[in-house]
N, C-alpha and C. Protein backbone atom coordinates (compact mmCIF):
# COMPACT_ATOMS: atom_id res chain seq x y z
N UNK A 1 -13.25 -45.84 -21.38
CA UNK A 1 -14.67 -45.68 -21.57
C UNK A 1 -15.42 -46.76 -20.82
N UNK A 2 -16.62 -46.47 -20.46
CA UNK A 2 -17.45 -47.41 -19.70
C UNK A 2 -17.52 -48.74 -20.44
N UNK A 3 -17.17 -49.80 -19.74
CA UNK A 3 -17.23 -51.13 -20.34
C UNK A 3 -15.99 -51.53 -21.10
N UNK A 4 -15.04 -50.64 -21.23
CA UNK A 4 -13.80 -50.93 -21.94
C UNK A 4 -12.62 -50.86 -20.98
N UNK A 5 -11.52 -51.45 -21.41
CA UNK A 5 -10.31 -51.42 -20.61
C UNK A 5 -9.79 -49.99 -20.49
N UNK A 6 -9.23 -49.67 -19.34
CA UNK A 6 -8.64 -48.36 -19.13
C UNK A 6 -7.30 -48.28 -19.85
N UNK A 7 -7.08 -47.19 -20.57
CA UNK A 7 -5.79 -46.98 -21.22
C UNK A 7 -4.79 -46.49 -20.19
N UNK A 8 -3.58 -46.95 -20.32
CA UNK A 8 -2.53 -46.51 -19.40
C UNK A 8 -2.06 -45.13 -19.82
N UNK A 9 -2.40 -44.14 -19.04
CA UNK A 9 -1.96 -42.78 -19.30
C UNK A 9 -1.59 -42.17 -17.95
N UNK A 10 -0.38 -41.70 -17.84
CA UNK A 10 0.12 -41.19 -16.57
C UNK A 10 0.49 -39.73 -16.72
N UNK A 11 -0.18 -38.84 -16.00
CA UNK A 11 0.13 -37.41 -16.11
C UNK A 11 1.35 -36.98 -15.29
N UNK A 12 2.09 -37.94 -14.73
CA UNK A 12 3.22 -37.61 -13.85
C UNK A 12 4.27 -36.73 -14.54
N UNK A 13 4.47 -36.91 -15.83
CA UNK A 13 5.49 -36.15 -16.53
C UNK A 13 5.04 -34.79 -17.05
N UNK A 14 3.79 -34.44 -16.81
CA UNK A 14 3.28 -33.17 -17.32
C UNK A 14 3.73 -32.00 -16.45
N UNK A 15 3.87 -30.82 -17.06
CA UNK A 15 4.23 -29.64 -16.26
C UNK A 15 3.07 -29.24 -15.34
N UNK A 16 3.38 -28.50 -14.30
CA UNK A 16 2.38 -28.11 -13.31
C UNK A 16 1.26 -27.24 -13.88
N UNK A 17 1.48 -26.62 -15.03
CA UNK A 17 0.45 -25.76 -15.63
C UNK A 17 -0.40 -26.50 -16.67
N UNK A 18 -0.19 -27.80 -16.81
CA UNK A 18 -0.92 -28.58 -17.82
C UNK A 18 -2.41 -28.66 -17.48
N UNK A 19 -3.21 -28.78 -18.53
CA UNK A 19 -4.64 -29.04 -18.40
C UNK A 19 -4.87 -30.41 -19.02
N UNK A 20 -5.50 -31.30 -18.28
CA UNK A 20 -5.72 -32.67 -18.73
C UNK A 20 -7.20 -32.85 -19.06
N UNK A 21 -7.48 -33.34 -20.26
CA UNK A 21 -8.86 -33.55 -20.66
C UNK A 21 -9.06 -35.00 -21.08
N UNK A 22 -10.27 -35.49 -20.86
CA UNK A 22 -10.64 -36.84 -21.26
C UNK A 22 -12.05 -36.74 -21.84
N UNK A 23 -12.26 -37.22 -23.05
CA UNK A 23 -13.58 -37.07 -23.68
C UNK A 23 -14.60 -38.08 -23.17
N UNK A 24 -14.17 -39.00 -22.33
CA UNK A 24 -15.09 -39.97 -21.73
C UNK A 24 -16.01 -39.24 -20.76
N UNK A 25 -17.29 -39.61 -20.74
CA UNK A 25 -18.21 -39.00 -19.77
C UNK A 25 -18.91 -40.01 -18.88
N UNK A 26 -18.67 -41.29 -19.08
CA UNK A 26 -19.14 -42.32 -18.15
C UNK A 26 -17.99 -43.27 -17.92
N UNK A 27 -17.32 -43.17 -16.81
CA UNK A 27 -17.58 -42.29 -15.67
C UNK A 27 -17.00 -40.89 -15.91
N UNK A 28 -17.56 -39.90 -15.22
CA UNK A 28 -17.04 -38.54 -15.36
C UNK A 28 -15.60 -38.44 -14.84
N UNK A 29 -15.33 -39.10 -13.74
CA UNK A 29 -13.99 -39.10 -13.16
C UNK A 29 -13.26 -40.36 -13.62
N UNK A 30 -12.51 -40.23 -14.69
CA UNK A 30 -11.75 -41.36 -15.22
C UNK A 30 -10.45 -41.51 -14.42
N UNK A 31 -9.80 -42.65 -14.52
CA UNK A 31 -8.51 -42.80 -13.83
C UNK A 31 -7.50 -41.71 -14.24
N UNK A 32 -7.51 -41.33 -15.51
CA UNK A 32 -6.61 -40.26 -15.97
C UNK A 32 -6.91 -38.95 -15.25
N UNK A 33 -8.19 -38.56 -15.20
CA UNK A 33 -8.55 -37.31 -14.54
C UNK A 33 -8.27 -37.37 -13.04
N UNK A 34 -8.53 -38.52 -12.43
CA UNK A 34 -8.25 -38.68 -11.00
C UNK A 34 -6.75 -38.51 -10.72
N UNK A 35 -5.92 -39.10 -11.57
CA UNK A 35 -4.47 -38.98 -11.39
C UNK A 35 -4.02 -37.53 -11.59
N UNK A 36 -4.61 -36.85 -12.56
CA UNK A 36 -4.26 -35.45 -12.81
C UNK A 36 -4.70 -34.57 -11.64
N UNK A 37 -5.89 -34.81 -11.12
CA UNK A 37 -6.37 -34.02 -9.97
C UNK A 37 -5.49 -34.27 -8.74
N UNK A 38 -5.04 -35.51 -8.58
CA UNK A 38 -4.15 -35.83 -7.46
C UNK A 38 -2.86 -35.01 -7.54
N UNK A 39 -2.48 -34.65 -8.76
CA UNK A 39 -1.29 -33.79 -8.97
C UNK A 39 -1.65 -32.32 -8.95
N UNK A 40 -2.93 -32.02 -8.69
CA UNK A 40 -3.46 -30.65 -8.65
C UNK A 40 -3.43 -29.96 -10.02
N UNK A 41 -3.53 -30.76 -11.08
CA UNK A 41 -3.62 -30.20 -12.42
C UNK A 41 -5.08 -29.86 -12.71
N UNK A 42 -5.30 -28.90 -13.58
CA UNK A 42 -6.66 -28.59 -14.02
C UNK A 42 -7.14 -29.73 -14.91
N UNK A 43 -8.42 -30.06 -14.81
CA UNK A 43 -8.97 -31.16 -15.61
C UNK A 43 -10.28 -30.74 -16.27
N UNK A 44 -10.58 -31.40 -17.38
CA UNK A 44 -11.83 -31.19 -18.11
C UNK A 44 -12.37 -32.56 -18.49
N UNK A 45 -13.60 -32.85 -18.05
CA UNK A 45 -14.20 -34.15 -18.40
C UNK A 45 -14.89 -34.06 -19.77
N UNK A 46 -15.44 -35.17 -20.23
CA UNK A 46 -16.02 -35.24 -21.57
C UNK A 46 -17.46 -34.79 -21.69
N UNK A 47 -18.09 -34.42 -20.58
CA UNK A 47 -19.51 -34.08 -20.64
C UNK A 47 -19.77 -32.82 -21.48
N UNK A 48 -18.90 -31.85 -21.41
CA UNK A 48 -19.08 -30.63 -22.21
C UNK A 48 -19.12 -30.94 -23.69
N UNK A 49 -18.23 -31.83 -24.13
CA UNK A 49 -18.23 -32.21 -25.54
C UNK A 49 -19.55 -32.87 -25.92
N UNK A 50 -20.03 -33.79 -25.07
CA UNK A 50 -21.29 -34.46 -25.35
C UNK A 50 -22.42 -33.45 -25.49
N UNK A 51 -22.53 -32.54 -24.55
CA UNK A 51 -23.63 -31.57 -24.57
C UNK A 51 -23.54 -30.64 -25.77
N UNK A 52 -22.36 -30.13 -26.05
CA UNK A 52 -22.22 -29.16 -27.14
C UNK A 52 -22.30 -29.80 -28.52
N UNK A 53 -21.88 -31.05 -28.67
CA UNK A 53 -21.99 -31.68 -29.99
C UNK A 53 -23.43 -32.04 -30.31
N UNK A 54 -24.29 -32.09 -29.30
CA UNK A 54 -25.70 -32.41 -29.53
C UNK A 54 -26.50 -31.21 -30.05
N UNK A 55 -25.98 -30.01 -29.87
CA UNK A 55 -26.71 -28.80 -30.24
C UNK A 55 -27.10 -28.77 -31.72
N UNK A 56 -26.19 -28.97 -32.67
CA UNK A 56 -26.59 -28.90 -34.08
C UNK A 56 -27.65 -29.93 -34.47
N UNK A 57 -27.54 -31.15 -33.95
CA UNK A 57 -28.54 -32.17 -34.27
C UNK A 57 -29.90 -31.82 -33.70
N UNK A 58 -29.92 -31.35 -32.47
CA UNK A 58 -31.18 -30.95 -31.83
C UNK A 58 -31.83 -29.82 -32.63
N UNK A 59 -31.02 -28.85 -33.01
CA UNK A 59 -31.53 -27.71 -33.77
C UNK A 59 -32.11 -28.15 -35.12
N UNK A 60 -31.44 -29.07 -35.76
CA UNK A 60 -31.93 -29.56 -37.06
C UNK A 60 -33.24 -30.33 -36.90
N UNK A 61 -33.33 -31.16 -35.88
CA UNK A 61 -34.53 -31.98 -35.68
C UNK A 61 -35.72 -31.17 -35.17
N UNK A 62 -35.47 -30.23 -34.25
CA UNK A 62 -36.58 -29.55 -33.58
C UNK A 62 -36.75 -28.09 -33.98
N UNK A 63 -35.86 -27.58 -34.83
CA UNK A 63 -36.02 -26.23 -35.35
C UNK A 63 -35.69 -25.12 -34.36
N UNK A 64 -35.09 -25.46 -33.26
CA UNK A 64 -34.66 -24.42 -32.32
C UNK A 64 -33.36 -24.85 -31.66
N UNK A 65 -32.55 -23.86 -31.36
CA UNK A 65 -31.23 -24.14 -30.79
C UNK A 65 -31.35 -24.25 -29.27
N UNK A 66 -30.95 -25.40 -28.72
CA UNK A 66 -31.00 -25.54 -27.26
C UNK A 66 -29.86 -24.78 -26.60
N UNK A 67 -30.07 -24.41 -25.36
CA UNK A 67 -29.04 -23.73 -24.60
C UNK A 67 -28.37 -24.74 -23.67
N UNK A 68 -27.07 -24.80 -23.72
CA UNK A 68 -26.32 -25.65 -22.80
C UNK A 68 -26.00 -24.80 -21.58
N UNK A 69 -26.68 -25.09 -20.48
CA UNK A 69 -26.58 -24.29 -19.27
C UNK A 69 -25.97 -25.10 -18.13
N UNK A 70 -25.53 -24.42 -17.08
CA UNK A 70 -25.05 -25.15 -15.90
C UNK A 70 -26.14 -26.07 -15.32
N UNK A 71 -27.39 -25.64 -15.37
CA UNK A 71 -28.49 -26.48 -14.88
C UNK A 71 -28.62 -27.76 -15.70
N UNK A 72 -28.50 -27.66 -17.02
CA UNK A 72 -28.54 -28.84 -17.87
C UNK A 72 -27.40 -29.79 -17.51
N UNK A 73 -26.22 -29.24 -17.32
CA UNK A 73 -25.08 -30.08 -16.93
C UNK A 73 -25.37 -30.78 -15.61
N UNK A 74 -25.90 -30.05 -14.61
CA UNK A 74 -26.22 -30.67 -13.32
C UNK A 74 -27.21 -31.81 -13.48
N UNK A 75 -28.22 -31.62 -14.33
CA UNK A 75 -29.23 -32.67 -14.56
C UNK A 75 -28.59 -33.91 -15.18
N UNK A 76 -27.72 -33.71 -16.17
CA UNK A 76 -27.08 -34.85 -16.83
C UNK A 76 -26.12 -35.55 -15.87
N UNK A 77 -25.38 -34.79 -15.08
CA UNK A 77 -24.48 -35.40 -14.09
C UNK A 77 -25.29 -36.25 -13.11
N UNK A 78 -26.42 -35.72 -12.63
CA UNK A 78 -27.27 -36.48 -11.71
C UNK A 78 -27.75 -37.77 -12.35
N UNK A 79 -28.09 -37.71 -13.63
CA UNK A 79 -28.55 -38.91 -14.34
C UNK A 79 -27.41 -39.93 -14.49
N UNK A 80 -26.25 -39.45 -14.89
CA UNK A 80 -25.09 -40.34 -15.05
C UNK A 80 -24.73 -41.00 -13.73
N UNK A 81 -24.79 -40.22 -12.66
CA UNK A 81 -24.41 -40.75 -11.35
C UNK A 81 -25.54 -41.50 -10.65
N UNK A 82 -26.71 -41.56 -11.30
CA UNK A 82 -27.82 -42.34 -10.76
C UNK A 82 -28.59 -41.67 -9.64
N UNK A 83 -28.61 -40.35 -9.60
CA UNK A 83 -29.35 -39.62 -8.56
C UNK A 83 -30.73 -39.27 -9.03
């Protein structure tokens, strides 16, 4: 996680059909995900979890359910990456 030590996790022993996920979203490309992508494994970053776990709280506070869209993801990625 951002500001914390990286955990030693090596996807080298995983089968070729493995999917590697990391719930960290800053940075989006963690060392674990980078290593998995280098092995051509499918990867999932933590941004989806962040966006989808916010839905119930937003709905409770504002009385309407927000939509998690590809455009919302692009906006958050741009913010995280400083664009």
